[in-house]
Amino acid sequence: MLLNSLVELDRAHLVHPVASYRGHEKAGVRVLASAKGARVKEAGGHELIDGFAGLWCVNAGYGQEKIVEAATRQLRELPYATGYFGLGSEPAIRLASELADRAPGDLNHVYFTLGGSDAVDSTVRFIRYYFHAIGKPEKDQFISVMNGYHGSSTVGAGLTALPAFHAGFGLPFDWQHKIPSHYSYRNPVGTEPQAIIEASVAALRAKVEEIGPERVAAFYVEPIQGSGGVLVPPDGWVKAMRETCRELDILFVADEVITGFGRTGPLFACEDEGIVPDLMTVAKGLTSGYCPMGAVLLSDRIYDAIADGAGLTAVGHGYTYSAHPVSAAVGLACLDLYENGLLENGRRAGERLMAGLHSLADHPLVGEVRGRGMLAAVELVTDKAKKTPLPASAEPAKRVFDRAWDNGLVVRAFPTGVLGYAPPLCATDADIDGIIERTKMTLDQTLEDPDVRAAMVG
């Protein structure tokens, strides 16, 4: 179809996620037509380095023939198999086994979903069933962390602690609670790691006491907060929170939807801290975005309690496309690619990315550079000493994104003036260097923005 026709059809019919509907209608869609490696191409021919791997998800990179062949072969052999009625398929069974073998500790049981949001929803259902099964139905309150993201489904969006996902939706629910983030750049207790850890532990204890220790079921955390602005906790923070949960008889849920599958270096970010959660959610890199799929990994303790509690009665939780054989075949191909070069390349590229971004630290607009592996952020300010964010009038989410796009770079531009990076693990040195060069160009252009200039002078 002609590009103009696609733009008009999109404007008339396609509802885009997390978008201003009227704003999108006015601006029109940018149509992506092809991609290879870490680069994507617009329908008009404009080529860009994808510094965000789609939506933190194309970890393996675009155009991986091994993945395409695995999906094509499975489509021909068995395009669908339900998991209901005791049925299954070889790819799903094998993928569950492979994930269990690689997951931390005793996370030996895998429930497949379509993505991260319904994986989070599934954890809530499993956790409630678990506490009913062990005779503690009163444990029905859930805690998450400010700036955290746990999906945009009806339940998950309430655990998410970002205002845009609550406004107009009647969220969060009254059983969903929050504690302050570890956000070290803007933490009231300062930037000293131990002080931040102690403050977070104290906040969790206080929140549990406020709710009632006998009521709190679970605590949700991302090893690195993604959609909140790529907020990296101090070393030891995750472990301290996990140990506090164990002490308080609270289930610890690690949301690795963004951080899993090499994004921070190892296959799972929990490995960085040496912790074993009670439940873990994954998606995105699981299939590298080639097919929809997510998963909940349950520990032996959780699974056995649910199984014993149900006995011969069916546990009433299921999705039509759970354990989809094509998605599972893609997941197996992705695992093979990760463990045969991509994880190693991602670690090298991550070091180069972080070094390159740190080289921009002296730029007048750069307040902080943070990240781990192939997950990073640059926070922009107009006053480094006061950490003054870019003015809202500068429209950071729109203008910075547009400038980067025109410069041939896809980044996540947050409304808070943070640039987020999550390149594919296959990125070459030239790709990483291109990200840095185009970021510098974008920063220089933003520095000339009249709204930004006025804020810096003021």
Protein backbone atom coordinates (compact mmCIF):
# COMPACT_ATOMS: atom_id res chain seq x y z
CA MET A 1 0.00 0.00 0.00
CA LEU A 2 1.01 3.62 -0.47
CA LEU A 3 2.47 5.15 2.68
CA ASN A 4 -0.12 7.94 2.73
CA SER A 5 -2.89 5.34 2.66
CA LEU A 6 -1.37 3.48 5.60
CA VAL A 7 -1.10 6.70 7.60
CA GLU A 8 -4.77 7.46 7.00
CA LEU A 9 -5.91 3.93 7.83
CA ASP A 10 -3.88 4.01 11.03
CA ARG A 11 -5.33 7.39 11.95
CA ALA A 12 -8.87 6.10 11.41
CA HIS A 13 -8.69 2.65 13.00
CA LEU A 14 -5.59 1.60 14.95
CA VAL A 15 -5.57 2.40 18.67
CA HIS A 16 -1.98 2.77 19.86
CA PRO A 17 -0.74 1.84 23.35
CA VAL A 18 0.10 4.58 25.88
CA ALA A 19 -0.58 7.36 23.37
CA SER A 20 -2.50 10.61 23.24
CA TYR A 21 -5.17 9.47 20.83
CA ARG A 22 -5.86 12.96 19.47
CA GLY A 23 -2.17 13.80 19.48
CA HIS A 24 -1.40 10.68 17.47
CA GLU A 25 -4.17 11.42 15.00
CA LYS A 26 -2.65 14.85 14.44
CA ALA A 27 0.95 13.66 14.11
CA GLY A 28 0.33 10.49 12.12
CA VAL A 29 2.10 7.15 12.37
CA ARG A 30 5.73 6.41 11.50
CA VAL A 31 5.60 3.12 9.60
CA LEU A 32 8.49 0.70 10.12
CA ALA A 33 9.06 -1.48 7.06
CA SER A 34 12.10 -3.68 7.69
CA ALA A 35 14.91 -4.40 10.12
CA LYS A 36 18.19 -6.28 10.40
CA GLY A 37 20.54 -6.68 13.32
CA ALA A 38 20.24 -3.56 15.47
CA ARG A 39 18.86 -1.35 12.69
CA VAL A 40 15.34 -0.58 11.53
CA LYS A 41 14.10 1.16 8.40
CA GLU A 42 11.09 3.39 7.92
CA ALA A 43 8.75 2.86 4.99
CA GLY A 44 10.21 6.03 3.46
CA GLY A 45 13.74 4.58 3.61
CA HIS A 46 15.07 6.38 6.72
CA GLU A 47 17.40 3.97 8.59
CA LEU A 48 17.88 4.12 12.34
CA ILE A 49 19.86 2.35 15.03
CA ASP A 50 17.31 0.82 17.38
CA GLY A 51 18.74 1.81 20.73
CA PHE A 52 15.67 0.46 22.50
CA ALA A 53 15.24 -3.00 20.92
CA GLY A 54 11.64 -2.29 19.99
CA LEU A 55 10.21 -2.03 23.51
CA TRP A 56 13.12 -3.48 25.52
CA CYS A 57 12.38 -6.79 23.83
CA VAL A 58 14.25 -7.58 20.59
CA ASN A 59 17.24 -8.85 22.58
CA ALA A 60 18.46 -11.18 19.83
CA GLY A 61 18.24 -8.48 17.17
CA TYR A 62 16.22 -8.40 13.98
CA GLY A 63 16.39 -10.88 11.11
CA GLN A 64 17.77 -13.85 13.03
CA GLU A 65 17.23 -16.69 10.54
CA LYS A 66 17.43 -19.36 13.25
CA ILE A 67 14.37 -17.86 14.93
CA VAL A 68 12.48 -17.42 11.66
CA GLU A 69 13.20 -21.01 10.66
CA ALA A 70 12.10 -22.37 14.05
CA ALA A 71 8.79 -20.49 13.82
CA THR A 72 8.20 -21.50 10.21
CA ARG A 73 8.91 -25.17 10.89
CA GLN A 74 6.56 -25.19 13.88
CA LEU A 75 3.82 -23.41 11.92
CA ARG A 76 3.96 -26.19 9.34
CA GLU A 77 4.09 -29.06 11.82
CA LEU A 78 1.71 -27.92 14.55
CA PRO A 79 0.57 -24.28 14.55
CA TYR A 80 -1.49 -24.59 17.72
CA ALA A 81 -1.91 -26.96 20.64
CA THR A 82 -3.98 -26.21 23.71
CA GLY A 83 -2.66 -26.87 27.17
CA TYR A 84 -6.18 -27.66 28.36
CA PHE A 85 -7.49 -31.26 28.69
CA GLY A 86 -4.02 -32.53 29.63
CA LEU A 87 -2.67 -31.80 26.14
CA GLY A 88 0.65 -30.24 25.22
CA SER A 89 3.33 -29.83 22.58
CA GLU A 90 7.01 -30.71 22.45
CA PRO A 91 8.33 -27.12 22.13
CA ALA A 92 6.38 -25.90 25.18
CA ILE A 93 7.42 -28.88 27.31
CA ARG A 94 11.06 -28.48 26.31
CA LEU A 95 11.05 -24.70 26.86
CA ALA A 96 9.58 -25.08 30.33
CA SER A 97 12.31 -27.59 31.16
CA GLU A 98 15.08 -25.38 29.75
CA LEU A 99 13.85 -22.34 31.69
CA ALA A 100 13.58 -24.32 34.92
CA ASP A 101 17.13 -25.61 34.44
CA ARG A 102 18.47 -22.06 34.09
CA ALA A 103 16.31 -20.16 36.58
CA PRO A 104 17.59 -19.35 40.06
CA GLY A 105 17.18 -21.93 42.80
CA ASP A 106 14.01 -24.00 42.86
CA LEU A 107 11.96 -22.04 40.32
CA ASN A 108 11.12 -25.34 38.69
CA HIS A 109 7.56 -24.77 37.50
CA VAL A 110 6.59 -22.63 34.50
CA TYR A 111 3.20 -21.21 33.55
CA PHE A 112 3.23 -19.58 30.09
CA THR A 113 1.35 -16.37 29.30
CA LEU A 114 1.16 -14.04 26.30
CA GLY A 115 3.37 -11.33 27.77
CA GLY A 116 4.46 -9.50 30.88
CA SER A 117 1.17 -7.92 31.93
CA ASP A 118 -0.77 -11.18 32.09
CA ALA A 119 2.22 -12.84 33.73
CA VAL A 120 1.90 -10.32 36.57
CA ASP A 121 -1.87 -10.90 36.71
CA SER A 122 -1.17 -14.62 36.94
CA THR A 123 1.14 -14.14 39.92
CA VAL A 124 -1.64 -12.36 41.83
CA ARG A 125 -3.99 -15.26 41.19
CA PHE A 126 -1.38 -17.89 42.10
CA ILE A 127 -0.42 -16.03 45.28
CA ARG A 128 -4.02 -15.68 46.44
CA TYR A 129 -4.65 -19.36 45.71
CA TYR A 130 -1.47 -20.27 47.59
CA PHE A 131 -2.50 -18.45 50.77
CA HIS A 132 -6.00 -19.93 50.62
CA ALA A 133 -4.43 -23.36 50.20
CA ILE A 134 -2.22 -23.00 53.29
CA GLY A 135 -5.04 -21.62 55.41
CA LYS A 136 -4.11 -17.92 55.38
CA PRO A 137 -6.78 -16.33 53.17
CA GLU A 138 -6.47 -13.07 55.11
CA LYS A 139 -3.10 -12.46 53.41
CA ASP A 140 -4.55 -10.49 50.50
CA GLN A 141 -2.58 -7.21 50.44
CA PHE A 142 0.17 -6.50 47.91
CA ILE A 143 3.08 -4.03 48.00
CA SER A 144 5.18 -2.63 45.16
CA VAL A 145 7.68 0.21 44.73
CA MET A 146 7.08 3.76 43.53
CA ASN A 147 8.33 4.29 39.94
CA GLY A 148 7.92 0.56 39.37
CA TYR A 149 6.18 -0.96 36.36
CA HIS A 150 4.29 -4.24 36.43
CA GLY A 151 2.17 -4.05 33.31
CA SER A 152 -0.93 -2.17 32.22
CA SER A 153 -3.61 -4.80 32.71
CA THR A 154 -6.40 -4.02 35.18
CA VAL A 155 -4.62 -5.69 38.10
CA GLY A 156 -1.01 -5.14 37.08
CA ALA A 157 -1.50 -1.44 36.39
CA GLY A 158 -2.43 -0.99 40.04
CA LEU A 159 0.87 -2.56 41.10
CA THR A 160 2.56 -0.29 38.58
CA ALA A 161 3.38 2.95 40.38
CA LEU A 162 3.38 5.49 37.55
CA PRO A 163 0.57 8.08 37.52
CA ALA A 164 -0.23 7.76 33.80
CA PHE A 165 -1.36 4.17 34.33
CA HIS A 166 -3.74 5.15 37.15
CA ALA A 167 -5.35 8.38 35.97
CA GLY A 168 -8.88 7.81 34.72
CA PHE A 169 -8.83 4.08 35.50
CA GLY A 170 -9.82 4.02 39.17
CA LEU A 171 -6.48 2.61 40.23
CA PRO A 172 -4.74 1.48 42.33
CA PHE A 173 -7.12 -0.81 44.18
CA ASP A 174 -7.26 -0.50 47.94
CA TRP A 175 -5.31 -3.74 48.37
CA GLN A 176 -2.36 -2.39 46.37
CA HIS A 177 0.21 -0.41 48.35
CA LYS A 178 3.50 1.38 47.59
CA ILE A 179 6.77 2.21 49.29
CA PRO A 180 9.27 4.85 48.07
CA SER A 181 11.72 3.99 45.30
CA HIS A 182 15.44 3.47 45.75
CA TYR A 183 15.95 6.19 43.06
CA SER A 184 19.44 7.19 44.15
CA TYR A 185 19.77 10.38 42.07
CA ARG A 186 16.76 11.93 43.75
CA ASN A 187 16.50 10.14 47.09
CA PRO A 188 15.60 12.17 50.20
CA VAL A 189 18.15 10.21 52.26
CA GLY A 190 20.96 11.06 49.83
CA THR A 191 23.05 8.95 47.49
CA GLU A 192 24.96 6.76 49.98
CA PRO A 193 24.05 3.15 49.12
CA GLN A 194 23.71 1.80 52.65
CA ALA A 195 21.47 4.69 53.68
CA ILE A 196 19.19 3.98 50.71
CA ILE A 197 19.05 0.26 51.54
CA GLU A 198 18.25 0.94 55.19
CA ALA A 199 15.56 3.46 54.25
CA SER A 200 13.89 1.00 51.88
CA VAL A 201 13.98 -1.83 54.42
CA ALA A 202 12.51 0.50 57.04
CA ALA A 203 9.81 1.66 54.61
CA LEU A 204 8.81 -1.92 53.84
CA ARG A 205 8.66 -2.81 57.52
CA ALA A 206 6.59 0.29 58.26
CA LYS A 207 4.16 -0.41 55.43
CA VAL A 208 3.69 -4.00 56.59
CA GLU A 209 3.06 -2.80 60.13
CA GLU A 210 0.59 -0.21 58.86
CA ILE A 211 -1.36 -2.78 56.82
CA GLY A 212 -1.04 -5.54 59.40
CA PRO A 213 1.66 -8.24 59.24
CA GLU A 214 -0.98 -10.97 59.00
CA ARG A 215 -2.50 -9.31 55.90
CA VAL A 216 0.47 -8.77 53.55
CA ALA A 217 0.84 -11.42 50.85
CA ALA A 218 3.61 -10.30 48.51
CA PHE A 219 6.15 -7.68 47.52
CA TYR A 220 6.88 -6.94 43.85
CA VAL A 221 10.12 -5.48 42.54
CA GLU A 222 12.05 -5.09 39.31
CA PRO A 223 15.80 -5.77 39.70
CA ILE A 224 16.17 -2.50 37.78
CA GLN A 225 13.13 -0.25 37.43
CA GLY A 226 12.58 0.12 33.69
CA SER A 227 9.65 2.33 32.75
CA GLY A 228 10.23 4.45 35.85
CA GLY A 229 13.41 5.75 34.18
CA VAL A 230 15.93 2.88 34.33
CA LEU A 231 16.52 3.26 38.06
CA VAL A 232 19.36 1.05 39.25
CA PRO A 233 19.27 0.12 42.95
CA PRO A 234 22.45 0.17 45.05
CA ASP A 235 24.36 -3.11 45.21
CA GLY A 236 22.77 -5.24 47.90
CA TRP A 237 19.37 -3.52 47.79
CA VAL A 238 17.50 -6.38 46.10
CA LYS A 239 19.07 -8.93 48.44
CA ALA A 240 18.18 -6.87 51.51
CA MET A 241 14.57 -6.54 50.40
CA ARG A 242 14.39 -10.25 49.64
CA GLU A 243 15.70 -11.15 53.11
CA THR A 244 13.27 -8.73 54.76
CA CYS A 245 10.38 -10.39 52.94
CA ARG A 246 11.53 -13.80 54.10
CA GLU A 247 11.68 -12.55 57.69
CA LEU A 248 8.20 -11.00 57.47
CA ASP A 249 6.60 -14.04 55.77
CA ILE A 250 5.93 -12.13 52.56
CA LEU A 251 6.34 -13.69 49.12
CA PHE A 252 9.01 -11.98 47.00
CA VAL A 253 8.13 -11.55 43.31
CA ALA A 254 10.93 -10.59 40.92
CA ASP A 255 9.59 -8.94 37.77
CA GLU A 256 12.24 -9.74 35.17
CA VAL A 257 10.11 -8.89 32.14
CA ILE A 258 12.64 -6.23 31.10
CA THR A 259 15.82 -7.43 32.82
CA GLY A 260 15.67 -11.09 31.76
CA PHE A 261 17.54 -12.81 28.94
CA GLY A 262 20.84 -10.99 28.94
CA ARG A 263 19.60 -7.43 29.25
CA THR A 264 21.83 -6.74 32.29
CA GLY A 265 24.52 -9.33 31.50
CA PRO A 266 23.50 -12.75 32.86
CA LEU A 267 20.43 -14.62 31.66
CA PHE A 268 18.49 -13.30 34.68
CA ALA A 269 19.30 -10.19 36.70
CA CYS A 270 18.57 -12.06 39.96
CA GLU A 271 21.92 -13.74 39.36
CA ASP A 272 23.64 -10.38 39.90
CA GLU A 273 22.41 -10.37 43.51
CA GLY A 274 22.46 -14.11 44.12
CA ILE A 275 18.80 -14.20 45.17
CA VAL A 276 16.03 -16.72 44.59
CA PRO A 277 12.53 -15.18 44.42
CA ASP A 278 9.37 -17.08 45.27
CA LEU A 279 7.94 -16.21 41.87
CA MET A 280 9.51 -14.61 38.81
CA THR A 281 7.91 -13.10 35.73
CA VAL A 282 9.59 -13.01 32.32
CA ALA A 283 8.56 -11.99 28.78
CA LYS A 284 10.10 -9.67 26.13
CA GLY A 285 13.52 -11.30 25.59
CA LEU A 286 11.98 -14.74 26.11
CA THR A 287 11.03 -14.71 22.43
CA SER A 288 12.97 -11.58 21.51
CA GLY A 289 9.67 -10.02 20.47
CA TYR A 290 9.29 -12.35 17.47
CA CYS A 291 6.14 -13.91 19.01
CA PRO A 292 4.02 -12.96 22.02
CA MET A 293 4.96 -14.95 25.12
CA GLY A 294 5.58 -14.48 28.82
CA ALA A 295 5.93 -16.81 31.77
CA VAL A 296 5.60 -17.13 35.51
CA LEU A 297 8.20 -19.27 37.22
CA LEU A 298 7.04 -20.69 40.54
CA SER A 299 9.17 -22.16 43.32
CA ASP A 300 8.62 -25.70 44.49
CA ARG A 301 7.01 -24.40 47.69
CA ILE A 302 4.41 -22.30 45.89
CA TYR A 303 3.62 -24.91 43.26
CA ASP A 304 3.35 -27.79 45.74
CA ALA A 305 1.05 -25.84 48.07
CA ILE A 306 -1.27 -24.96 45.18
CA ALA A 307 -1.19 -28.49 43.80
CA ASP A 308 -1.82 -30.10 47.19
CA GLY A 309 -4.50 -27.56 48.05
CA ALA A 310 -6.38 -28.27 44.83
CA GLY A 311 -5.98 -32.02 45.02
CA LEU A 312 -7.94 -33.52 42.11
CA THR A 313 -9.85 -30.27 41.53
CA ALA A 314 -8.79 -28.12 38.57
CA VAL A 315 -6.98 -24.87 39.39
CA GLY A 316 -9.18 -22.40 37.54
CA HIS A 317 -6.61 -20.28 35.76
CA GLY A 318 -5.85 -20.57 32.06
CA TYR A 319 -5.34 -18.78 28.75
CA THR A 320 -6.18 -20.00 25.26
CA TYR A 321 -2.67 -19.28 24.04
CA SER A 322 -0.73 -20.41 27.11
CA ALA A 323 2.25 -22.55 26.03
CA HIS A 324 1.66 -21.74 22.36
CA PRO A 325 3.89 -24.12 20.34
CA VAL A 326 5.10 -21.49 17.83
CA SER A 327 6.06 -19.05 20.57
CA ALA A 328 7.75 -21.87 22.47
CA ALA A 329 9.74 -22.91 19.38
CA VAL A 330 10.86 -19.30 19.03
CA GLY A 331 11.81 -19.22 22.72
CA LEU A 332 13.99 -22.30 22.31
CA ALA A 333 15.74 -20.75 19.31
CA CYS A 334 16.34 -17.55 21.27
CA LEU A 335 17.85 -19.46 24.20
CA ASP A 336 20.22 -21.18 21.81
CA LEU A 337 21.31 -17.86 20.32
CA TYR A 338 21.78 -16.28 23.74
CA GLU A 339 24.00 -19.09 24.97
CA ASN A 340 26.00 -19.38 21.77
CA GLY A 341 27.37 -15.88 21.48
CA LEU A 342 24.71 -13.26 22.16
CA LEU A 343 25.10 -13.11 25.95
CA GLU A 344 28.85 -12.73 25.53
CA ASN A 345 28.45 -10.08 22.83
CA GLY A 346 25.86 -8.30 24.97
CA ARG A 347 28.30 -8.08 27.87
CA ARG A 348 31.00 -6.57 25.65
CA ALA A 349 28.57 -4.21 23.97
CA GLY A 350 27.14 -3.23 27.36
CA GLU A 351 30.56 -2.20 28.60
CA ARG A 352 31.08 -0.13 25.47
CA LEU A 353 27.62 1.43 25.81
CA MET A 354 28.14 2.42 29.44
CA ALA A 355 31.63 3.80 28.72
CA GLY A 356 30.28 5.78 25.79
CA LEU A 357 27.39 7.25 27.76
CA HIS A 358 29.71 8.13 30.66
CA SER A 359 31.85 10.04 28.15
CA LEU A 360 28.88 12.40 27.78
CA ALA A 361 28.75 13.16 31.52
CA ASP A 362 30.36 16.58 31.07
CA HIS A 363 27.68 17.74 28.66
CA PRO A 364 25.79 20.72 30.16
CA LEU A 365 22.48 18.82 30.10
CA VAL A 366 23.64 15.50 31.59
CA GLY A 367 22.80 15.12 35.27
CA GLU A 368 23.42 11.39 35.65
CA VAL A 369 24.38 8.37 33.59
CA ARG A 370 23.26 5.04 35.05
CA GLY A 371 22.73 1.47 33.96
CA ARG A 372 23.93 -2.11 33.90
CA GLY A 373 24.82 -4.07 30.80
CA MET A 374 22.58 -3.24 27.86
CA LEU A 375 20.12 -1.29 30.00
CA ALA A 376 20.99 2.34 30.58
CA ALA A 377 19.72 5.87 31.03
CA VAL A 378 20.88 9.46 30.80
CA GLU A 379 18.99 11.92 33.00
CA LEU A 380 18.88 15.45 31.65
CA VAL A 381 18.87 18.55 33.86
CA THR A 382 19.17 22.30 33.39
CA ASP A 383 21.16 22.75 36.61
CA LYS A 384 23.57 20.01 37.64
CA ALA A 385 24.02 21.27 41.21
CA LYS A 386 20.29 21.56 41.89
CA LYS A 387 19.37 18.58 39.66
CA THR A 388 16.67 20.71 38.03
CA PRO A 389 14.76 18.63 35.46
CA LEU A 390 14.00 19.87 31.97
CA PRO A 391 10.95 22.16 31.95
CA ALA A 392 7.65 20.58 30.95
CA SER A 393 7.35 23.27 28.27
CA ALA A 394 10.33 21.64 26.50
CA GLU A 395 8.16 18.53 25.92
CA PRO A 396 11.08 16.13 26.50
CA ALA A 397 9.12 12.99 25.60
CA LYS A 398 8.20 14.38 22.20
CA ARG A 399 10.92 16.79 21.13
CA VAL A 400 13.90 14.72 22.28
CA PHE A 401 12.43 11.57 20.71
CA ASP A 402 11.76 13.42 17.44
CA ARG A 403 15.29 14.87 17.31
CA ALA A 404 16.86 11.49 18.00
CA TRP A 405 14.64 9.92 15.34
CA ASP A 406 15.66 12.51 12.77
CA ASN A 407 19.29 11.81 13.72
CA GLY A 408 18.79 8.10 13.01
CA LEU A 409 18.40 6.84 16.57
CA VAL A 410 15.53 5.22 18.46
CA VAL A 411 15.64 5.86 22.21
CA ARG A 412 13.00 5.97 24.95
CA ALA A 413 12.42 9.63 25.83
CA PHE A 414 10.61 9.83 29.17
CA PRO A 415 8.48 12.86 30.10
CA THR A 416 10.86 13.42 33.03
CA GLY A 417 13.72 14.19 30.64
CA VAL A 418 15.37 10.79 30.91
CA LEU A 419 16.72 8.97 27.85
CA GLY A 420 16.43 5.19 28.06
CA TYR A 421 18.62 2.69 26.19
CA ALA A 422 18.22 -1.05 25.65
CA PRO A 423 19.92 -2.02 22.37
CA PRO A 424 19.77 -5.55 20.94
CA LEU A 425 22.47 -7.85 22.32
CA CYS A 426 23.76 -8.38 18.78
CA ALA A 427 24.82 -4.72 18.51
CA THR A 428 28.22 -4.18 16.88
CA ASP A 429 30.86 -1.67 17.91
CA ALA A 430 29.65 0.54 15.07
CA ASP A 431 26.08 0.33 16.37
CA ILE A 432 27.11 1.30 19.91
CA ASP A 433 29.37 4.11 18.72
CA GLY A 434 26.54 5.33 16.49
CA ILE A 435 24.20 5.42 19.51
CA ILE A 436 26.68 7.58 21.40
CA GLU A 437 27.37 9.92 18.49
CA ARG A 438 23.69 10.41 17.72
CA THR A 439 22.89 10.92 21.39
CA LYS A 440 25.53 13.68 21.54
CA MET A 441 24.01 15.31 18.45
CA THR A 442 20.55 15.14 20.04
CA LEU A 443 21.81 16.63 23.31
CA ASP A 444 23.46 19.51 21.47
CA GLN A 445 20.24 20.24 19.60
CA THR A 446 18.22 20.08 22.83
CA LEU A 447 20.63 22.52 24.43
CA GLU A 448 19.61 25.02 21.75
CA ASP A 449 15.90 24.55 22.46
CA PRO A 450 14.58 28.00 23.55
CA ASP A 451 12.62 26.47 26.46
CA VAL A 452 15.72 24.65 27.70
CA ARG A 453 17.95 27.71 27.18
CA ALA A 454 15.55 29.86 29.17
CA ALA A 455 15.49 27.35 32.02
CA MET A 456 19.29 27.19 32.14
CA VAL A 457 19.67 30.96 32.13
CA GLY A 458 17.01 31.26 34.82
